[in-house]
Amino acid sequence: VQLQASGGGLVQAGGSLRVSCAASGRTFSSYVMGWFRQAPGKEREFVAGIRYSTGGKYYADSVKGRFTISGDKAKNTVSLQMNTLKPEDTAVYYCAVAQTPLIVSSMMMPDKYDYWGQGTLVTVSS
């Protein structure tokens, strides 16, 4: 499976950005797609995830109410709409796919995902 992320950029605090991820290859056994982010000097952290079987969406507390994840299993795409961005949202954003049916707590663990995109940089200026 190959993942291609796009859509990052520079935005002022309070603004919006949308990042997207397209999957190709052996995607038929994808159960969960997630977004993670990693800021300089920090560990990679869960942002949002979507479970294809149920359409269930899950968010980190830090982005709940501001970010919205959406996915299209038929097109093998997942997007993250980010509104009311804050400087602390600045990070490289990565999409990832898990080919096992993760429980919610596992969706937040980077090591549970099987494939990763290359990352796209989001910079929020104050």
C-alpha atoms as a PDB file:
ATOM      1  CA  VAL A   1       0.000   0.000   0.000  1.00  0.00           C
ATOM      2  CA  GLN A   2       1.272   3.437  -0.909  1.00  0.00           C
ATOM      3  CA  LEU A   3      -0.052   6.600   0.710  1.00  0.00           C
ATOM      4  CA  GLN A   4       0.330  10.061  -0.787  1.00  0.00           C
ATOM      5  CA  ALA A   5      -0.471  13.027   1.420  1.00  0.00           C
ATOM      6  CA  SER A   6      -1.073  16.539   0.142  1.00  0.00           C
ATOM      7  CA  GLY A   7      -2.524  19.883   1.116  1.00  0.00           C
ATOM      8  CA  GLY A   8      -0.253  21.217   3.822  1.00  0.00           C
ATOM      9  CA  GLY A   9       0.919  24.786   3.905  1.00  0.00           C
ATOM     10  CA  LEU A  10       1.167  28.003   5.861  1.00  0.00           C
ATOM     11  CA  VAL A  11      -1.884  29.591   7.437  1.00  0.00           C
ATOM     12  CA  GLN A  12      -2.530  32.222  10.073  1.00  0.00           C
ATOM     13  CA  ALA A  13      -4.001  31.309  13.417  1.00  0.00           C
ATOM     14  CA  GLY A  14      -7.759  30.989  13.149  1.00  0.00           C
ATOM     15  CA  GLY A  15      -7.569  29.894   9.535  1.00  0.00           C
ATOM     16  CA  SER A  16      -8.360  26.613   7.858  1.00  0.00           C
ATOM     17  CA  LEU A  17      -6.537  23.982   5.841  1.00  0.00           C
ATOM     18  CA  ARG A  18      -7.465  20.651   4.363  1.00  0.00           C
ATOM     19  CA  VAL A  19      -5.009  17.799   4.035  1.00  0.00           C
ATOM     20  CA  SER A  20      -5.778  14.738   1.984  1.00  0.00           C
ATOM     21  CA  CYS A  21      -4.352  11.281   1.527  1.00  0.00           C
ATOM     22  CA  ALA A  22      -4.751   8.895  -1.372  1.00  0.00           C
ATOM     23  CA  ALA A  23      -4.028   5.202  -0.992  1.00  0.00           C
ATOM     24  CA  SER A  24      -3.051   2.833  -3.771  1.00  0.00           C
ATOM     25  CA  GLY A  25      -2.015  -0.765  -4.002  1.00  0.00           C
ATOM     26  CA  ARG A  26      -3.517  -3.521  -1.839  1.00  0.00           C
ATOM     27  CA  THR A  27      -6.105  -1.324  -0.175  1.00  0.00           C
ATOM     28  CA  PHE A  28      -8.973  -3.817  -0.086  1.00  0.00           C
ATOM     29  CA  SER A  29      -8.029  -4.978   3.406  1.00  0.00           C
ATOM     30  CA  SER A  30      -7.784  -1.511   4.942  1.00  0.00           C
ATOM     31  CA  TYR A  31      -9.831  -1.218   8.125  1.00  0.00           C
ATOM     32  CA  VAL A  32      -8.746   2.058   9.644  1.00  0.00           C
ATOM     33  CA  MET A  33      -7.210   5.200   8.262  1.00  0.00           C
ATOM     34  CA  GLY A  34      -5.741   7.708  10.608  1.00  0.00           C
ATOM     35  CA  TRP A  35      -3.997  11.029  10.798  1.00  0.00           C
ATOM     36  CA  PHE A  36      -1.076  11.631  13.100  1.00  0.00           C
ATOM     37  CA  ARG A  37       1.173  14.617  13.546  1.00  0.00           C
ATOM     38  CA  GLN A  38       4.656  15.220  14.782  1.00  0.00           C
ATOM     39  CA  ALA A  39       5.983  18.583  15.902  1.00  0.00           C
ATOM     40  CA  PRO A  40       9.734  19.258  16.203  1.00  0.00           C
ATOM     41  CA  GLY A  41      11.154  17.557  19.267  1.00  0.00           C
ATOM     42  CA  LYS A  42       7.915  15.784  20.075  1.00  0.00           C
ATOM     43  CA  GLU A  43       6.590  12.294  19.619  1.00  0.00           C
ATOM     44  CA  ARG A  44       4.154  11.423  16.889  1.00  0.00           C
ATOM     45  CA  GLU A  45       0.618  11.825  18.195  1.00  0.00           C
ATOM     46  CA  PHE A  46      -2.804  10.694  17.093  1.00  0.00           C
ATOM     47  CA  VAL A  47      -5.048  13.348  15.564  1.00  0.00           C
ATOM     48  CA  ALA A  48      -8.040  11.542  14.067  1.00  0.00           C
ATOM     49  CA  GLY A  49      -9.091   8.191  12.693  1.00  0.00           C
ATOM     50  CA  ILE A  50     -11.904   6.660  10.731  1.00  0.00           C
ATOM     51  CA  ARG A  51     -13.041   3.067  10.816  1.00  0.00           C
ATOM     52  CA  TYR A  52     -14.293   2.058   7.390  1.00  0.00           C
ATOM     53  CA  SER A  53     -16.552  -0.790   8.552  1.00  0.00           C
ATOM     54  CA  THR A  54     -18.724   1.427  10.712  1.00  0.00           C
ATOM     55  CA  GLY A  55     -17.871   4.931   9.552  1.00  0.00           C
ATOM     56  CA  GLY A  56     -16.914   5.682  13.132  1.00  0.00           C
ATOM     57  CA  LYS A  57     -14.729   8.739  13.585  1.00  0.00           C
ATOM     58  CA  TYR A  58     -12.438   9.405  16.498  1.00  0.00           C
ATOM     59  CA  TYR A  59     -10.499  12.491  17.499  1.00  0.00           C
ATOM     60  CA  ALA A  60      -7.812  13.575  19.899  1.00  0.00           C
ATOM     61  CA  ASP A  61      -9.198  15.883  22.570  1.00  0.00           C
ATOM     62  CA  SER A  62      -6.920  18.672  21.358  1.00  0.00           C
ATOM     63  CA  VAL A  63      -8.636  18.839  17.961  1.00  0.00           C
ATOM     64  CA  LYS A  64     -12.179  17.783  18.789  1.00  0.00           C
ATOM     65  CA  GLY A  65     -14.658  20.327  17.474  1.00  0.00           C
ATOM     66  CA  ARG A  66     -12.092  21.906  15.142  1.00  0.00           C
ATOM     67  CA  PHE A  67     -10.986  19.063  12.878  1.00  0.00           C
ATOM     68  CA  THR A  68     -13.149  16.753  10.802  1.00  0.00           C
ATOM     69  CA  ILE A  69     -11.980  13.518   9.220  1.00  0.00           C
ATOM     70  CA  SER A  70     -13.733  12.093   6.189  1.00  0.00           C
ATOM     71  CA  GLY A  71     -13.044   9.062   4.104  1.00  0.00           C
ATOM     72  CA  ASP A  72     -14.158   7.337   0.950  1.00  0.00           C
ATOM     73  CA  LYS A  73     -13.373   3.642   0.977  1.00  0.00           C
ATOM     74  CA  ALA A  74     -14.365   3.224  -2.672  1.00  0.00           C
ATOM     75  CA  LYS A  75     -11.871   5.897  -3.709  1.00  0.00           C
ATOM     76  CA  ASN A  76      -9.323   4.989  -1.024  1.00  0.00           C
ATOM     77  CA  THR A  77      -9.008   8.553   0.149  1.00  0.00           C
ATOM     78  CA  VAL A  78      -9.124  10.221   3.538  1.00  0.00           C
ATOM     79  CA  SER A  79      -9.116  13.924   4.304  1.00  0.00           C
ATOM     80  CA  LEU A  80      -8.733  16.077   7.356  1.00  0.00           C
ATOM     81  CA  GLN A  81     -10.461  19.437   7.416  1.00  0.00           C
ATOM     82  CA  MET A  82      -8.766  21.652   9.967  1.00  0.00           C
ATOM     83  CA  ASN A  83     -10.544  24.767  11.174  1.00  0.00           C
ATOM     84  CA  THR A  84      -9.707  27.362  13.790  1.00  0.00           C
ATOM     85  CA  LEU A  85      -6.077  26.411  13.567  1.00  0.00           C
ATOM     86  CA  LYS A  86      -3.732  27.296  16.396  1.00  0.00           C
ATOM     87  CA  PRO A  87       0.054  27.712  16.414  1.00  0.00           C
ATOM     88  CA  GLU A  88       0.289  24.512  18.452  1.00  0.00           C
ATOM     89  CA  ASP A  89      -1.207  22.631  15.496  1.00  0.00           C
ATOM     90  CA  THR A  90       2.042  23.234  13.613  1.00  0.00           C
ATOM     91  CA  ALA A  91       3.500  19.847  12.710  1.00  0.00           C
ATOM     92  CA  VAL A  92       4.128  17.385   9.948  1.00  0.00           C
ATOM     93  CA  TYR A  93       0.883  15.527   9.370  1.00  0.00           C
ATOM     94  CA  TYR A  94       0.988  11.872   8.391  1.00  0.00           C
ATOM     95  CA  CYS A  95      -1.735   9.604   7.126  1.00  0.00           C
ATOM     96  CA  ALA A  96      -1.619   5.930   7.945  1.00  0.00           C
ATOM     97  CA  VAL A  97      -3.593   2.789   7.263  1.00  0.00           C
ATOM     98  CA  ALA A  98      -4.184  -0.243   9.436  1.00  0.00           C
ATOM     99  CA  GLN A  99      -5.103  -3.540   7.849  1.00  0.00           C
ATOM    100  CA  THR A 100      -6.466  -5.017  11.041  1.00  0.00           C
ATOM    101  CA  PRO A 101      -9.694  -4.011  12.820  1.00  0.00           C
ATOM    102  CA  LEU A 102      -8.341  -1.868  15.651  1.00  0.00           C
ATOM    103  CA  ILE A 103     -10.236  -1.115  18.818  1.00  0.00           C
ATOM    104  CA  VAL A 104     -10.522   2.555  19.660  1.00  0.00           C
ATOM    105  CA  SER A 105      -7.612   2.661  22.095  1.00  0.00           C
ATOM    106  CA  SER A 106      -5.365   0.979  19.543  1.00  0.00           C
ATOM    107  CA  MET A 107      -6.308   3.485  16.860  1.00  0.00           C
ATOM    108  CA  MET A 108      -4.312   6.063  18.791  1.00  0.00           C
ATOM    109  CA  MET A 109      -1.099   4.017  18.732  1.00  0.00           C
ATOM    110  CA  PRO A 110       1.249   4.651  15.803  1.00  0.00           C
ATOM    111  CA  ASP A 111       2.738   1.151  15.983  1.00  0.00           C
ATOM    112  CA  LYS A 112      -0.662  -0.407  15.217  1.00  0.00           C
ATOM    113  CA  TYR A 113      -0.641   1.030  11.689  1.00  0.00           C
ATOM    114  CA  ASP A 114       0.856  -0.851   8.800  1.00  0.00           C
ATOM    115  CA  TYR A 115       1.570   1.817   6.192  1.00  0.00           C
ATOM    116  CA  TRP A 116       2.437   5.495   6.336  1.00  0.00           C
ATOM    117  CA  GLY A 117       2.450   8.409   3.955  1.00  0.00           C
ATOM    118  CA  GLN A 118       5.395  10.738   3.579  1.00  0.00           C
ATOM    119  CA  GLY A 119       3.895  13.552   5.632  1.00  0.00           C
ATOM    120  CA  THR A 120       2.835  17.066   4.779  1.00  0.00           C
ATOM    121  CA  LEU A 121       3.874  20.151   6.725  1.00  0.00           C
ATOM    122  CA  VAL A 122       1.269  22.394   8.310  1.00  0.00           C
ATOM    123  CA  THR A 123       2.519  25.664   9.740  1.00  0.00           C
ATOM    124  CA  VAL A 124       0.228  27.946  11.717  1.00  0.00           C
ATOM    125  CA  SER A 125       1.560  31.426  12.361  1.00  0.00           C
ATOM    126  CA  SER A 126       0.458  33.516  15.321  1.00  0.00           C
END
